[in-house]
N, C-alpha and C. Protein backbone atom coordinates (compact mmCIF):
# COMPACT_ATOMS: atom_id res chain seq x y z
N UNK A 1 263.37 194.70 -105.12
CA UNK A 1 262.39 193.77 -104.10
C UNK A 1 262.79 194.64 -102.38
N UNK A 2 263.34 195.54 -102.63
CA UNK A 2 263.14 196.28 -101.06
C UNK A 2 261.77 197.23 -101.23
N UNK A 3 261.97 197.88 -102.38
CA UNK A 3 260.65 198.37 -102.30
C UNK A 3 259.51 197.76 -102.29
N UNK A 4 259.48 196.80 -102.90
CA UNK A 4 257.60 195.76 -102.83
C UNK A 4 258.01 195.54 -101.27
N UNK A 5 258.63 194.96 -100.80
CA UNK A 5 258.86 194.48 -99.02
C UNK A 5 258.17 195.89 -98.11
N UNK A 6 258.69 197.07 -98.54
CA UNK A 6 258.46 198.51 -98.01
C UNK A 6 257.19 198.65 -98.44
N UNK A 7 256.68 198.52 -99.72
CA UNK A 7 255.26 198.34 -99.86
C UNK A 7 254.25 197.72 -98.91
N UNK A 8 254.60 196.19 -99.30
CA UNK A 8 253.45 195.43 -98.20
C UNK A 8 253.45 195.84 -96.76
N UNK A 9 254.25 195.99 -96.28
CA UNK A 9 254.78 196.62 -94.77
C UNK A 9 253.73 197.52 -94.77
N UNK A 10 253.54 198.62 -95.70
CA UNK A 10 252.73 199.90 -95.48
C UNK A 10 251.75 199.68 -95.64
N UNK A 11 251.10 198.48 -96.51
CA UNK A 11 249.76 198.22 -96.85
C UNK A 11 249.16 197.62 -95.56
N UNK A 12 250.21 196.49 -95.06
CA UNK A 12 249.57 196.09 -93.78
C UNK A 12 249.34 196.89 -92.69
N UNK A 13 250.64 197.78 -92.37
CA UNK A 13 250.24 198.55 -91.24
C UNK A 13 249.32 199.79 -91.50
N UNK A 14 248.98 199.91 -92.96
CA UNK A 14 247.58 200.85 -93.32
C UNK A 14 246.59 199.61 -93.18
N UNK A 15 246.46 198.77 -93.30
CA UNK A 15 245.25 197.84 -92.73
C UNK A 15 244.94 197.70 -91.33
N UNK A 16 246.00 197.53 -90.88
CA UNK A 16 246.14 197.59 -89.26
C UNK A 16 245.32 198.86 -88.35
N UNK A 17 246.06 199.91 -89.13
CA UNK A 17 245.24 201.37 -88.75
C UNK A 17 244.19 201.41 -88.98
N UNK A 18 243.69 201.13 -90.09
CA UNK A 18 241.88 201.06 -90.83
C UNK A 18 241.42 200.47 -89.62
N UNK A 19 241.93 199.10 -89.14
CA UNK A 19 241.14 198.17 -88.23
C UNK A 19 240.85 198.79 -87.27
N UNK A 20 241.98 199.58 -86.62
CA UNK A 20 242.13 199.95 -85.15
C UNK A 20 241.11 201.30 -85.23
N UNK A 21 241.06 202.10 -86.24
CA UNK A 21 239.97 203.43 -86.68
C UNK A 21 238.67 202.97 -86.58
N UNK A 22 238.34 201.84 -87.56
CA UNK A 22 236.95 201.14 -87.53
C UNK A 22 236.51 200.97 -86.26
N UNK A 23 237.41 200.15 -84.80
CA UNK A 23 236.99 199.72 -83.90
C UNK A 23 236.84 201.01 -82.98
N UNK A 24 237.53 202.01 -83.14
CA UNK A 24 237.34 203.03 -82.40
C UNK A 24 236.37 203.91 -82.69
N UNK A 25 235.80 203.86 -84.14
CA UNK A 25 234.53 204.32 -84.69
C UNK A 25 233.44 203.77 -83.71
N UNK A 26 233.34 202.41 -84.22
CA UNK A 26 232.11 201.30 -83.54
C UNK A 26 232.17 201.67 -82.21
N UNK A 27 233.22 201.76 -80.88
CA UNK A 27 233.19 202.18 -79.94
C UNK A 27 232.57 203.25 -79.96
N UNK A 28 233.05 204.17 -80.06
CA UNK A 28 232.39 205.72 -80.11
C UNK A 28 230.76 205.95 -80.53
N UNK A 29 230.55 205.26 -81.58
CA UNK A 29 229.19 204.64 -81.98
C UNK A 29 228.10 204.05 -80.93
N UNK A 30 228.74 203.07 -80.39
CA UNK A 30 227.65 202.31 -79.47
C UNK A 30 228.17 203.31 -78.13
N UNK A 31 228.66 204.00 -77.74
CA UNK A 31 228.52 205.07 -76.67
C UNK A 31 227.97 206.30 -77.19
N UNK A 32 227.70 206.49 -78.08
CA UNK A 32 226.54 207.88 -78.74
C UNK A 32 225.13 207.11 -78.62
N UNK A 33 225.05 205.57 -79.19
CA UNK A 33 223.70 205.39 -78.88
C UNK A 33 223.40 205.15 -77.40
N UNK A 34 224.37 204.86 -76.94
CA UNK A 34 224.28 204.68 -75.28
C UNK A 34 223.56 206.00 -74.30
N UNK A 35 224.41 207.12 -75.17
CA UNK A 35 224.05 208.48 -74.36
C UNK A 35 222.94 208.72 -75.17
N UNK A 36 222.61 208.59 -76.15
CA UNK A 36 221.32 209.15 -76.66
C UNK A 36 220.11 208.56 -75.58
N UNK A 37 220.52 206.96 -75.64
CA UNK A 37 219.37 206.17 -74.86
C UNK A 37 219.23 206.86 -73.48
N UNK A 38 220.58 206.77 -72.78
CA UNK A 38 220.15 207.60 -71.15
C UNK A 38 219.24 208.95 -71.51
N UNK A 39 219.95 209.67 -72.48
CA UNK A 39 219.04 211.11 -72.87
C UNK A 39 217.66 210.91 -72.58
N UNK A 40 217.22 209.85 -73.33
CA UNK A 40 215.60 209.83 -73.70
C UNK A 40 215.02 209.31 -72.35
N UNK A 41 215.89 208.53 -71.33
CA UNK A 41 215.49 207.95 -70.22
C UNK A 41 215.34 209.22 -69.47
N UNK A 42 216.33 210.15 -69.50
CA UNK A 42 216.71 211.35 -68.41
C UNK A 42 215.25 212.30 -68.84
N UNK A 43 214.62 212.41 -70.06
CA UNK A 43 213.66 213.00 -70.99
C UNK A 43 212.30 212.52 -70.33
N UNK A 44 212.31 211.11 -70.14
CA UNK A 44 211.18 210.53 -69.62
C UNK A 44 210.82 211.04 -68.13
N UNK A 45 212.08 210.91 -67.48
CA UNK A 45 211.89 211.28 -66.08
C UNK A 45 211.37 211.98 -65.71
N UNK A 46 212.03 213.69 -66.30
CA UNK A 46 211.82 214.85 -66.27
C UNK A 46 210.58 215.02 -66.11
N UNK A 47 209.70 214.17 -67.62
CA UNK A 47 208.45 214.49 -67.82
C UNK A 47 207.80 213.80 -66.70
N UNK A 48 207.95 212.90 -66.18
CA UNK A 48 207.11 212.45 -64.70
C UNK A 48 207.38 213.20 -63.86
N UNK A 49 208.51 213.81 -63.40
CA UNK A 49 208.87 214.71 -62.29
C UNK A 49 207.99 216.07 -62.49
N UNK A 50 207.81 216.85 -63.61
CA UNK A 50 206.96 217.75 -64.17
C UNK A 50 205.39 217.23 -64.24
N UNK A 51 205.16 216.04 -64.22
CA UNK A 51 203.55 216.03 -64.07
C UNK A 51 203.07 215.72 -62.77
N UNK A 52 204.36 214.88 -61.61
CA UNK A 52 204.45 214.98 -60.25
C UNK A 52 204.07 216.16 -59.50
N UNK A 53 204.58 217.19 -59.97
CA UNK A 53 205.03 218.27 -59.08
C UNK A 53 204.02 219.29 -59.48
N UNK A 54 203.59 219.31 -60.94
CA UNK A 54 202.21 219.47 -61.38
C UNK A 54 200.92 219.17 -60.32
N UNK A 55 200.91 217.96 -60.45
CA UNK A 55 199.84 217.54 -59.43
C UNK A 55 199.69 217.51 -57.78
N UNK A 56 201.11 218.20 -57.55
CA UNK A 56 201.13 218.27 -56.10
C UNK A 56 200.86 219.49 -55.74
N UNK A 57 201.33 220.79 -56.87
CA UNK A 57 200.99 222.27 -56.49
C UNK A 57 199.45 222.54 -56.91
N UNK A 58 198.73 221.48 -57.65
CA UNK A 58 197.05 221.28 -58.03
C UNK A 58 197.00 221.17 -56.70
N UNK A 59 197.17 219.94 -56.16
CA UNK A 59 196.65 220.06 -54.80
C UNK A 59 196.64 220.49 -53.82
N UNK A 60 197.84 221.07 -53.39
CA UNK A 60 197.69 222.42 -52.75
C UNK A 60 197.24 223.73 -53.09
N UNK A 61 197.27 223.98 -54.14
CA UNK A 61 196.25 225.05 -54.76
C UNK A 61 195.21 224.74 -54.12
N UNK A 62 194.21 223.20 -54.23
CA UNK A 62 192.71 223.31 -53.84
C UNK A 62 192.92 223.76 -52.44
N UNK A 63 193.59 222.76 -52.10
CA UNK A 63 193.72 223.05 -50.41
C UNK A 63 193.84 224.19 -49.55
N UNK A 64 194.70 224.82 -50.44
CA UNK A 64 194.67 226.47 -49.87
C UNK A 64 193.42 227.39 -50.04
N UNK A 65 192.82 226.83 -51.36
CA UNK A 65 191.29 227.75 -52.09
C UNK A 65 190.41 227.51 -50.49
N UNK A 66 190.39 225.98 -50.45
CA UNK A 66 189.24 225.50 -49.16
C UNK A 66 189.90 226.32 -47.93
N UNK A 67 191.07 226.32 -47.48
CA UNK A 67 191.12 227.35 -46.30
C UNK A 67 191.01 228.15 -46.60
N UNK A 68 191.30 229.03 -47.41
CA UNK A 68 190.99 230.72 -47.71
C UNK A 68 189.45 230.82 -47.51
N UNK A 69 188.65 229.87 -47.82
CA UNK A 69 186.96 230.11 -48.19
C UNK A 69 186.22 229.69 -46.35
N UNK A 70 187.70 229.09 -45.91
CA UNK A 70 186.96 228.71 -44.37
C UNK A 70 186.68 229.73 -43.67
N UNK A 71 185.57 229.89 -42.50
CA UNK A 71 185.37 231.04 -42.19
C UNK A 71 186.68 231.73 -40.84
N UNK A 72 187.34 230.26 -40.23
CA UNK A 72 187.95 230.77 -39.37
C UNK A 72 189.67 230.40 -39.35
N UNK A 73 189.93 229.77 -40.48
CA UNK A 73 191.54 229.28 -40.37
C UNK A 73 192.14 230.30 -40.27
N UNK A 74 192.43 231.10 -41.05
CA UNK A 74 193.34 232.56 -40.89
C UNK A 74 193.02 233.64 -40.06
N UNK A 75 191.70 233.47 -39.47
CA UNK A 75 191.43 234.70 -38.39
C UNK A 75 191.25 233.83 -37.06
N UNK A 76 191.49 234.85 -35.99
CA UNK A 76 191.75 234.82 -34.49
C UNK A 76 190.20 234.99 -33.79
N UNK A 77 189.18 234.99 -34.75
CA UNK A 77 187.89 235.56 -34.18
C UNK A 77 186.78 234.81 -34.82
N UNK A 78 185.59 234.36 -34.18
CA UNK A 78 184.61 233.53 -35.08
C UNK A 78 183.58 234.37 -34.60
N UNK A 79 182.86 235.00 -35.61
CA UNK A 79 182.17 236.25 -35.67
C UNK A 79 180.96 235.83 -36.23
N UNK A 80 179.38 235.95 -35.90
CA UNK A 80 178.38 235.64 -36.67
C UNK A 80 177.80 237.10 -36.01
N UNK A 81 176.42 237.20 -36.99
CA UNK A 81 175.57 238.28 -36.05
C UNK A 81 175.06 238.05 -34.83
N UNK A 82 175.42 237.25 -34.15
CA UNK A 82 175.10 236.54 -32.70
C UNK A 82 176.29 236.36 -31.77
N UNK A 83 177.39 236.31 -32.08
CA UNK A 83 178.44 235.97 -31.08
C UNK A 83 179.90 236.38 -31.56
N UNK A 84 180.55 236.49 -31.10
CA UNK A 84 182.21 236.94 -31.42
C UNK A 84 182.95 236.51 -30.13
N UNK A 85 183.74 235.38 -30.62
CA UNK A 85 184.60 234.47 -29.80
C UNK A 85 185.73 234.69 -30.15
N UNK A 86 186.90 234.26 -29.59
CA UNK A 86 188.23 234.54 -29.66
C UNK A 86 188.68 232.72 -30.07
N UNK A 87 189.64 232.64 -30.81
CA UNK A 87 189.71 231.20 -31.27
C UNK A 87 191.44 230.97 -31.62
N UNK A 88 191.56 230.07 -31.81
CA UNK A 88 193.21 230.06 -32.08
C UNK A 88 193.51 230.14 -33.48
N UNK A 89 194.24 230.61 -33.96
CA UNK A 89 194.43 230.90 -35.65
C UNK A 89 194.73 229.34 -36.16
N UNK A 90 194.60 229.14 -37.43
CA UNK A 90 194.79 227.98 -37.86
C UNK A 90 194.00 226.58 -37.18
N UNK A 91 192.46 227.08 -37.08
CA UNK A 91 191.69 226.45 -36.68
C UNK A 91 190.76 226.18 -37.50
N UNK A 92 190.27 225.32 -38.15
CA UNK A 92 189.21 225.14 -39.04
C UNK A 92 187.88 224.56 -38.96
N UNK A 93 186.67 225.36 -39.46
CA UNK A 93 185.76 225.57 -38.56
C UNK A 93 184.94 224.45 -39.19
N UNK A 94 184.13 223.65 -38.56
CA UNK A 94 183.17 222.62 -38.96
C UNK A 94 181.85 223.03 -38.78
N UNK A 95 181.58 223.55 -37.49
CA UNK A 95 179.74 223.44 -37.12
C UNK A 95 179.50 224.62 -36.50
N UNK A 96 178.16 225.07 -36.30
CA UNK A 96 177.86 225.89 -35.38
C UNK A 96 176.37 226.08 -35.17
N UNK A 97 175.46 225.08 -33.68
CA UNK A 97 174.27 224.85 -34.30
C UNK A 97 173.55 225.89 -33.33
N UNK A 98 174.43 227.15 -32.93
CA UNK A 98 173.56 227.93 -32.39
C UNK A 98 173.81 228.20 -30.86
N UNK A 99 174.08 227.07 -29.88
CA UNK A 99 175.02 226.90 -29.00
C UNK A 99 176.29 226.61 -28.79
N UNK A 100 176.73 225.96 -29.83
CA UNK A 100 177.94 224.71 -29.80
C UNK A 100 178.75 225.37 -30.66
N UNK A 101 179.99 225.63 -31.10
CA UNK A 101 180.93 225.79 -32.00
C UNK A 101 181.61 224.48 -32.18
N UNK A 102 182.02 224.15 -33.50
CA UNK A 102 183.24 222.52 -33.28
C UNK A 102 184.25 222.96 -34.32
N UNK A 103 185.38 223.14 -34.03
CA UNK A 103 186.54 223.66 -34.49
C UNK A 103 187.19 222.10 -34.79
N UNK A 104 188.17 221.91 -36.11
CA UNK A 104 189.32 221.12 -35.71
C UNK A 104 190.58 221.87 -35.82
N UNK A 105 191.41 221.29 -35.38
CA UNK A 105 193.13 222.21 -35.15
C UNK A 105 194.22 221.00 -35.18
N UNK A 106 195.51 221.21 -35.80
CA UNK A 106 196.54 220.57 -35.81
C UNK A 106 197.57 221.16 -34.67
N UNK A 107 197.25 221.82 -34.20
CA UNK A 107 197.72 222.66 -33.01
C UNK A 107 197.71 221.65 -31.54
N UNK A 108 199.06 222.12 -30.76
CA UNK A 108 199.04 221.11 -30.02
C UNK A 108 198.13 221.22 -28.71
N UNK A 109 197.78 220.14 -27.74
CA UNK A 109 196.78 220.21 -26.72
C UNK A 109 197.12 220.98 -25.85
N UNK A 110 198.68 221.36 -25.48
CA UNK A 110 199.00 222.37 -24.83
C UNK A 110 198.83 223.65 -24.81
N UNK A 111 199.06 223.75 -26.33
CA UNK A 111 199.31 225.03 -26.57
C UNK A 111 197.58 225.78 -26.40
N UNK A 112 196.82 224.81 -27.00
CA UNK A 112 195.02 224.97 -27.14
C UNK A 112 194.87 225.66 -25.58
N UNK A 113 195.00 224.41 -24.37
CA UNK A 113 194.58 224.75 -22.80
C UNK A 113 195.25 226.32 -22.61
N UNK A 114 196.48 226.58 -22.90
CA UNK A 114 197.11 227.68 -22.16
C UNK A 114 196.27 228.69 -23.47
N UNK A 115 196.12 228.67 -24.33
CA UNK A 115 195.10 229.76 -25.27
C UNK A 115 193.93 230.17 -24.65
N UNK A 116 192.84 228.64 -24.66
CA UNK A 116 191.48 229.08 -23.73
C UNK A 116 191.95 229.83 -22.30
N UNK A 117 192.92 229.31 -21.35
CA UNK A 117 192.94 229.80 -20.38
C UNK A 117 193.19 231.00 -20.06
N UNK A 118 194.21 231.64 -21.01
CA UNK A 118 194.50 232.89 -21.25
C UNK A 118 193.36 233.92 -21.52
N UNK A 119 192.27 233.13 -22.69
CA UNK A 119 191.10 233.90 -23.20
C UNK A 119 190.25 234.08 -21.93
N UNK A 120 190.00 233.07 -21.24
CA UNK A 120 188.93 232.87 -20.37
C UNK A 120 189.33 233.64 -18.90
N UNK A 121 190.73 234.15 -18.54
CA UNK A 121 190.91 234.63 -17.80
C UNK A 121 190.65 236.41 -17.89
N UNK A 122 190.54 236.57 -19.62
CA UNK A 122 189.84 238.23 -19.34
C UNK A 122 188.67 238.21 -19.43
N UNK A 123 187.56 237.50 -19.25
CA UNK A 123 186.36 237.20 -19.05
C UNK A 123 185.94 237.26 -17.44
N UNK A 124 184.72 237.87 -17.31
CA UNK A 124 184.18 237.66 -15.97
C UNK A 124 183.43 236.38 -15.86
N UNK A 125 183.73 235.98 -14.61
CA UNK A 125 183.14 234.43 -14.14
C UNK A 125 181.87 234.64 -13.30
N UNK A 126 180.89 233.86 -13.79
CA UNK A 126 179.65 233.95 -12.86
C UNK A 126 179.49 232.57 -12.54
N UNK A 127 179.35 232.52 -11.33
CA UNK A 127 179.12 231.46 -10.38
C UNK A 127 177.19 231.51 -10.38
N UNK A 128 176.44 230.37 -11.03
CA UNK A 128 175.06 230.20 -10.81
C UNK A 128 174.48 228.97 -10.26
N UNK A 129 174.56 229.07 -8.88
CA UNK A 129 174.04 227.23 -8.52
C UNK A 129 175.08 226.59 -8.77
N UNK A 130 174.83 225.59 -9.32
CA UNK A 130 175.61 224.51 -9.79
C UNK A 130 176.35 224.56 -11.15
N UNK A 131 175.83 225.60 -11.70
CA UNK A 131 176.87 225.71 -13.01
C UNK A 131 177.55 227.03 -12.87
N UNK A 132 178.33 227.46 -14.11
CA UNK A 132 179.14 228.75 -14.16
C UNK A 132 179.46 228.94 -15.27
N UNK A 133 179.62 230.34 -15.65
CA UNK A 133 180.03 230.69 -17.29
C UNK A 133 180.86 231.77 -17.07
N UNK A 134 181.80 231.76 -18.34
CA UNK A 134 182.65 233.12 -18.31
C UNK A 134 181.87 234.03 -19.73
N UNK A 135 181.66 235.68 -18.98
CA UNK A 135 180.92 236.21 -19.74
C UNK A 135 181.75 237.27 -20.29
N UNK A 136 181.55 237.95 -21.66
CA UNK A 136 182.17 238.29 -22.26
C UNK A 136 181.20 240.01 -22.51
N UNK A 137 181.11 240.97 -21.66
CA UNK A 137 180.62 242.16 -21.86
C UNK A 137 180.55 242.76 -23.43
N UNK A 138 181.76 242.90 -23.72
CA UNK A 138 181.57 243.56 -25.06
C UNK A 138 180.59 243.07 -26.48
N UNK A 139 180.54 241.53 -26.06
CA UNK A 139 179.76 240.90 -27.21
C UNK A 139 178.34 240.39 -26.44
N UNK A 140 178.19 240.04 -25.07
CA UNK A 140 177.19 239.79 -24.40
C UNK A 140 176.89 238.29 -24.67
N UNK A 141 178.13 237.48 -24.73
CA UNK A 141 178.24 236.28 -25.08
C UNK A 141 178.79 235.69 -23.62
N UNK A 142 178.06 234.47 -23.40
CA UNK A 142 178.33 233.61 -22.25
C UNK A 142 179.33 232.40 -22.64
N UNK A 143 180.32 231.95 -22.07
CA UNK A 143 180.72 230.87 -22.59
C UNK A 143 180.39 229.94 -21.46
N UNK A 144 180.40 228.52 -21.64
CA UNK A 144 179.64 227.55 -20.42
C UNK A 144 180.85 226.63 -20.41
N UNK A 145 181.19 226.27 -21.66
CA UNK A 145 182.08 225.07 -21.47
C UNK A 145 182.74 224.74 -23.07
N UNK A 146 184.60 224.83 -22.76
CA UNK A 146 185.49 224.56 -23.67
C UNK A 146 185.99 223.41 -23.27
N UNK A 147 185.77 222.73 -24.41
CA UNK A 147 186.32 220.86 -24.57
C UNK A 147 187.08 220.70 -25.60
N UNK A 148 188.18 219.89 -25.39
CA UNK A 148 189.19 219.84 -26.65
C UNK A 148 189.84 218.37 -26.35
N UNK A 149 188.95 217.74 -27.51
CA UNK A 149 189.28 216.54 -27.85
C UNK A 149 190.61 215.84 -28.39
N UNK A 150 191.12 215.25 -27.66
CA UNK A 150 192.84 215.01 -28.36
C UNK A 150 192.66 213.52 -29.30
N UNK A 151 192.52 213.62 -30.21
CA UNK A 151 192.78 212.76 -30.88
C UNK A 151 194.39 212.52 -31.39
N UNK A 152 195.01 211.86 -31.95
CA UNK A 152 196.08 211.41 -32.51
C UNK A 152 197.05 212.59 -33.17
N UNK A 153 196.29 213.62 -34.42
CA UNK A 153 197.12 214.41 -34.54
C UNK A 153 196.05 215.76 -34.70
N UNK A 154 194.41 215.49 -34.97
CA UNK A 154 193.58 216.29 -35.11
C UNK A 154 192.72 216.63 -33.99
N UNK A 155 192.70 217.89 -33.22
CA UNK A 155 192.49 218.13 -31.91
C UNK A 155 190.78 218.43 -32.32
N UNK A 156 189.42 218.42 -31.59
CA UNK A 156 188.60 218.96 -31.84
C UNK A 156 188.19 219.80 -30.71
N UNK A 157 188.17 221.01 -31.15
CA UNK A 157 187.41 221.93 -30.06
C UNK A 157 185.95 222.31 -30.20
N UNK A 158 185.32 221.98 -28.81
CA UNK A 158 183.77 222.31 -28.71
C UNK A 158 183.74 223.45 -27.86
N UNK A 159 182.80 224.15 -28.18
CA UNK A 159 182.86 225.83 -27.18
C UNK A 159 181.57 225.70 -27.36
N UNK A 160 180.76 225.49 -26.01
CA UNK A 160 179.32 225.99 -25.93
C UNK A 160 178.91 227.37 -25.40
N UNK A 161 178.02 228.19 -25.66
CA UNK A 161 178.04 229.57 -25.47
C UNK A 161 176.55 229.47 -25.72
N UNK A 162 175.96 231.16 -25.20
CA UNK A 162 174.69 231.43 -25.51
C UNK A 162 175.02 232.90 -25.38
N UNK A 163 173.97 233.72 -25.51
CA UNK A 163 174.12 234.97 -25.86
C UNK A 163 173.10 235.63 -25.19
N UNK A 164 173.33 236.75 -24.46
CA UNK A 164 172.42 237.65 -23.83
C UNK A 164 172.80 238.05 -22.28
N UNK A 165 171.95 238.65 -21.83
CA UNK A 165 172.64 239.65 -20.37
C UNK A 165 172.78 238.28 -19.35
N UNK A 166 174.10 238.44 -18.98
CA UNK A 166 174.47 237.92 -17.73
C UNK A 166 173.80 237.47 -16.57
N UNK A 167 173.20 238.56 -15.98
CA UNK A 167 171.86 238.59 -15.10
C UNK A 167 171.09 237.89 -15.38
N UNK A 168 170.26 238.10 -16.79
CA UNK A 168 169.21 237.08 -17.25
C UNK A 168 169.74 235.49 -17.30
N UNK A 169 170.96 235.36 -17.83
CA UNK A 169 171.32 234.03 -17.91
C UNK A 169 171.62 233.30 -16.79
N UNK A 170 171.92 233.99 -15.64
CA UNK A 170 172.06 233.38 -14.49
C UNK A 170 170.82 232.99 -13.55
N UNK A 171 169.74 233.54 -13.78
CA UNK A 171 168.64 233.28 -13.32
C UNK A 171 168.07 232.01 -14.18
N UNK A 172 168.64 231.94 -15.17
CA UNK A 172 167.78 230.42 -16.07
C UNK A 172 168.00 229.41 -15.61
């Protein structure tokens, strides 16, 4: 009889151990399912991030391409067959109608004013009656006016100019 009671005790403890092991296995399976679901979410997030990064890189590429083909953005001179004028670096060319250049820039107004003051101080100043201009002997260019329109972020630079001999320009 002692053997049967010990056998039944062993069976009971064996069943308890099986139940405990089954609970542990079920718990581990739940955790594995949760981890695999989390991995899928992580993979989806990574795919979205890569797509977003690709779009940002594509936009930056096109933006840089536009800036590279702009006449003035990476140059400190605006030069055509008629004129050659120093301009601030990182100025975006908008238009030139033959007597006025229009540029846009993100540079600070103070910097632009100092830049053009320094540039004009290296040129010869002519006073002709009620108006005056700065003359560059090397390029036969007269600069009549430089205006900086101050918007919130983007500044508009307008440079009025003419070509020709300073003495002839002064007579007109």
